[in-house]
Protein backbone atom coordinates (compact mmCIF):
# COMPACT_ATOMS: atom_id res chain seq x y z
CA UNK A 1 -20.07 -12.15 -36.48
CA UNK A 2 -16.32 -11.87 -35.77
CA UNK A 3 -14.32 -15.55 -36.50
CA UNK A 4 -12.66 -16.73 -33.13
CA UNK A 5 -9.29 -16.78 -33.47
CA UNK A 6 -7.48 -20.44 -33.74
CA UNK A 7 -5.53 -21.50 -30.92
CA UNK A 8 -4.49 -24.59 -32.12
CA UNK A 9 -0.74 -25.21 -33.03
CA UNK A 10 -0.07 -25.77 -36.67
CA UNK A 11 1.97 -28.77 -35.87
CA UNK A 12 3.88 -30.39 -33.19
CA UNK A 13 7.54 -29.89 -32.72
CA UNK A 14 9.17 -33.20 -32.68
CA UNK A 15 12.68 -32.80 -33.16
CA UNK A 16 15.26 -31.30 -30.68
CA UNK A 17 15.78 -27.84 -32.68
CA UNK A 18 12.15 -27.31 -33.48
CA UNK A 19 11.30 -28.05 -29.59
CA UNK A 20 13.92 -25.77 -28.78
CA UNK A 21 12.22 -22.76 -30.93
CA UNK A 22 8.74 -23.71 -29.89
CA UNK A 23 9.78 -23.49 -26.16
CA UNK A 24 11.56 -20.57 -26.97
CA UNK A 25 8.14 -18.50 -28.59
CA UNK A 26 6.23 -20.15 -25.45
CA UNK A 27 9.04 -18.29 -22.92
CA UNK A 28 8.58 -15.53 -24.76
CA UNK A 29 5.14 -15.43 -25.26
CA UNK A 30 4.98 -15.41 -21.11
CA UNK A 31 7.66 -12.98 -20.57
CA UNK A 32 5.65 -10.05 -23.09
CA UNK A 33 2.19 -11.19 -21.30
CA UNK A 34 3.64 -10.50 -17.83
CA UNK A 35 5.57 -6.99 -18.62
CA UNK A 36 3.72 -5.59 -21.25
CA UNK A 37 0.36 -7.36 -21.33
CA UNK A 38 -2.31 -9.05 -23.98
CA UNK A 39 -2.26 -6.33 -26.61
CA UNK A 40 1.24 -5.83 -27.02
CA UNK A 41 2.04 -9.51 -27.45
CA UNK A 42 2.08 -9.42 -31.40
CA UNK A 43 3.64 -12.10 -33.23
CA UNK A 44 6.07 -9.77 -34.43
CA UNK A 45 7.32 -8.63 -30.91
CA UNK A 46 7.14 -12.38 -29.89
CA UNK A 47 9.32 -13.89 -32.63
CA UNK A 48 11.67 -10.72 -32.07
CA UNK A 49 11.75 -11.99 -28.39
CA UNK A 50 12.28 -15.47 -29.03
CA UNK A 51 14.99 -14.62 -31.48
CA UNK A 52 13.53 -16.33 -34.08
CA UNK A 53 11.86 -15.48 -37.75
CA UNK A 54 7.91 -14.76 -37.97
CA UNK A 55 7.90 -16.92 -40.47
CA UNK A 56 9.30 -19.55 -38.15
CA UNK A 57 6.47 -18.85 -35.65
CA UNK A 58 3.69 -19.32 -38.00
CA UNK A 59 5.10 -22.76 -39.42
CA UNK A 60 4.19 -23.69 -35.38
CA UNK A 61 1.32 -21.37 -34.21
CA UNK A 62 -1.75 -19.41 -36.46
CA UNK A 63 -1.84 -16.60 -34.11
CA UNK A 64 -0.79 -14.85 -31.12
CA UNK A 65 -4.01 -16.52 -29.61
CA UNK A 66 -2.71 -20.09 -30.22
CA UNK A 67 0.77 -18.84 -28.27
CA UNK A 68 -1.28 -17.51 -25.19
CA UNK A 69 -3.11 -21.10 -25.39
CA UNK A 70 0.68 -22.87 -25.47
CA UNK A 71 1.42 -20.88 -22.72
CA UNK A 72 -1.68 -21.45 -20.50
CA UNK A 73 -1.44 -25.32 -21.07
CA UNK A 74 2.29 -25.18 -19.93
CA UNK A 75 1.03 -23.46 -16.67
CA UNK A 76 -1.55 -25.42 -16.35
CA UNK A 77 0.63 -28.63 -16.32
CA UNK A 78 3.16 -27.37 -13.89
CA UNK A 79 0.01 -26.93 -11.87
CA UNK A 80 -1.69 -30.31 -12.03
CA UNK A 81 1.87 -31.89 -11.33
CA UNK A 82 2.12 -30.24 -8.65
CA UNK A 83 -1.37 -30.61 -7.22
CA UNK A 84 -1.27 -34.66 -7.95
CA UNK A 85 1.86 -34.60 -5.98
CA UNK A 86 0.41 -33.00 -3.03
CA UNK A 87 -2.68 -34.12 -2.78
CA UNK A 88 -1.71 -38.22 -3.08
CA UNK A 89 -2.77 -40.02 -0.38
CA UNK A 90 -5.30 -37.13 0.65
CA UNK A 91 -8.50 -40.04 0.48
CA UNK A 92 -7.64 -41.55 3.80
CA UNK A 93 -7.25 -38.36 5.63
CA UNK A 94 -9.87 -37.10 7.62
CA UNK A 95 -12.24 -34.67 6.70
CA UNK A 96 -10.35 -31.93 8.57
CA UNK A 97 -6.91 -32.70 7.24
CA UNK A 98 -8.03 -33.42 4.00
CA UNK A 99 -9.98 -30.13 3.56
CA UNK A 100 -7.14 -28.40 5.20
CA UNK A 101 -4.53 -29.94 3.32
CA UNK A 102 -7.00 -28.55 -0.26
CA UNK A 103 -7.00 -25.33 1.00
CA UNK A 104 -3.04 -25.54 1.98
CA UNK A 105 -2.37 -27.24 -2.19
CA UNK A 106 -4.99 -24.66 -3.31
CA UNK A 107 -2.91 -21.86 -1.90
CA UNK A 108 0.48 -23.23 -3.09
CA UNK A 109 -0.97 -23.91 -6.78
CA UNK A 110 -2.02 -19.72 -7.18
CA UNK A 111 1.84 -19.07 -5.81
CA UNK A 112 2.97 -20.76 -9.10
CA UNK A 113 4.19 -17.72 -11.03
CA UNK A 114 1.57 -15.80 -9.70
CA UNK A 115 2.37 -12.69 -12.15
CA UNK A 116 1.91 -15.36 -15.05
CA UNK A 117 -1.02 -17.07 -13.41
CA UNK A 118 -2.84 -13.37 -12.85
CA UNK A 119 -2.42 -12.65 -16.25
CA UNK A 120 -3.31 -15.45 -17.90
CA UNK A 121 -6.67 -15.76 -15.32
CA UNK A 122 -7.30 -12.55 -16.99
CA UNK A 123 -6.60 -13.36 -20.39
CA UNK A 124 -8.03 -16.99 -21.04
CA UNK A 125 -11.60 -15.05 -21.93
CA UNK A 126 -10.04 -13.41 -24.91
CA UNK A 127 -8.24 -16.49 -25.78
CA UNK A 128 -11.15 -18.72 -25.54
CA UNK A 129 -12.49 -21.83 -24.26
CA UNK A 130 -9.68 -24.05 -23.40
CA UNK A 131 -9.79 -27.89 -22.60
CA UNK A 132 -6.62 -28.08 -20.95
CA UNK A 133 -8.65 -25.93 -18.54
CA UNK A 134 -11.92 -27.75 -18.63
CA UNK A 135 -10.02 -30.76 -17.52
CA UNK A 136 -8.08 -29.57 -14.63
CA UNK A 137 -11.67 -28.30 -13.13
CA UNK A 138 -12.98 -31.33 -14.07
CA UNK A 139 -10.24 -33.48 -12.19
CA UNK A 140 -10.80 -31.37 -8.89
CA UNK A 141 -14.42 -31.88 -8.69
CA UNK A 142 -13.93 -35.55 -9.28
CA UNK A 143 -11.32 -36.08 -6.73
CA UNK A 144 -13.06 -34.30 -4.27
CA UNK A 145 -16.37 -36.18 -5.11
CA UNK A 146 -14.85 -39.60 -4.69
CA UNK A 147 -13.49 -38.15 -1.38
CA UNK A 148 -16.52 -37.22 -0.23
CA UNK A 149 -18.42 -40.59 -1.34
CA UNK A 150 -15.81 -42.40 0.46
CA UNK A 151 -16.38 -40.29 3.86
CA UNK A 152 -19.97 -40.32 3.25
CA UNK A 153 -20.73 -41.36 6.60
CA UNK A 154 -19.17 -38.39 8.64
CA UNK A 155 -21.09 -36.07 6.18
CA UNK A 156 -24.15 -34.14 6.82
CA UNK A 157 -24.60 -33.01 3.67
CA UNK A 158 -26.67 -35.70 1.09
CA UNK A 159 -26.29 -33.90 -2.73
CA UNK A 160 -22.39 -35.00 -2.90
CA UNK A 161 -22.31 -33.66 -6.08
CA UNK A 162 -23.35 -30.28 -5.42
CA UNK A 163 -20.96 -30.16 -2.37
CA UNK A 164 -18.20 -30.95 -4.30
CA UNK A 165 -19.17 -27.58 -6.70
CA UNK A 166 -19.76 -25.62 -3.55
CA UNK A 167 -16.31 -26.70 -1.60
CA UNK A 168 -14.11 -26.92 -4.77
CA UNK A 169 -15.66 -23.31 -6.10
CA UNK A 170 -15.71 -21.67 -2.43
CA UNK A 171 -11.97 -23.03 -2.40
CA UNK A 172 -10.75 -21.52 -5.54
CA UNK A 173 -12.14 -18.37 -5.27
CA UNK A 174 -11.04 -17.45 -2.07
CA UNK A 175 -7.70 -18.74 -2.82
CA UNK A 176 -7.56 -17.26 -6.07
CA UNK A 177 -8.14 -13.78 -4.79
CA UNK A 178 -6.33 -14.07 -1.82
CA UNK A 179 -3.24 -14.90 -3.27
CA UNK A 180 -3.55 -12.97 -6.49
CA UNK A 181 -5.20 -9.47 -5.38
CA UNK A 182 -4.53 -9.44 -1.96
CA UNK A 183 -0.98 -11.09 -1.61
CA UNK A 184 0.66 -7.57 -0.75
CA UNK A 185 -1.55 -6.79 1.85
CA UNK A 186 -1.48 -10.33 3.91
CA UNK A 187 1.63 -11.47 5.50
CA UNK A 188 2.96 -15.05 5.91
CA UNK A 189 0.98 -15.36 9.48
CA UNK A 190 -2.37 -13.50 7.91
CA UNK A 191 -2.27 -16.06 5.10
CA UNK A 192 -1.88 -18.92 7.75
CA UNK A 193 -4.60 -17.59 9.47
CA UNK A 194 -6.96 -17.31 6.25
CA UNK A 195 -5.84 -21.12 5.31
CA UNK A 196 -7.53 -22.06 8.87
CA UNK A 197 -10.83 -20.20 8.52
CA UNK A 198 -11.04 -21.24 4.81
CA UNK A 199 -10.67 -24.79 6.19
CA UNK A 200 -13.07 -24.30 9.49
CA UNK A 201 -15.66 -22.81 7.08
CA UNK A 202 -15.56 -26.14 4.24
CA UNK A 203 -15.47 -28.26 7.39
CA UNK A 204 -18.34 -26.81 8.91
CA UNK A 205 -20.28 -27.19 5.78
CA UNK A 206 -19.34 -30.71 5.51
CA UNK A 207 -19.76 -32.32 9.03
CA UNK A 208 -22.69 -33.22 10.95
């Protein structure tokens, strides 16, 4: 049985110079993934693009998979910060407004560096299970479950946990495919119409 690659950093950079080295390595990894793909992202190639030695790379990262994991974590943090900011106050909104905002924010999240987002979505299974992604998903489900609980009297469904799963999964799947795979085919007007239709679909499932 093949050993799973190590994806945790060897050590955390604390000084300004070491943080700059790590940032350069992570940024170089992201650029290579977008332009050349996972298979071309060797540690030698990453070090060369970052302008550091391979020895310096191995001081912080045990493998290229660890570097890809660092890129995923950085990208995920950027998305999480945006989502939290955009959804602040959503718990007090009506069902119609809250669902529309959730779909709109999901589209916006997938538009955060979409080329990198697409590559990472494809490479995550090759890198391994990442706790940060699980945490992000749990956070979305928890927020939506809290919202449904607060608005239970307006809803036709009884199993709020199942409803949260259905809604969040449907919104994620729809917006992921629309933004990352069909964006060239969808005009801004069509994308806005898609948001409206998706919001109508989810609201119709939830409301009495």
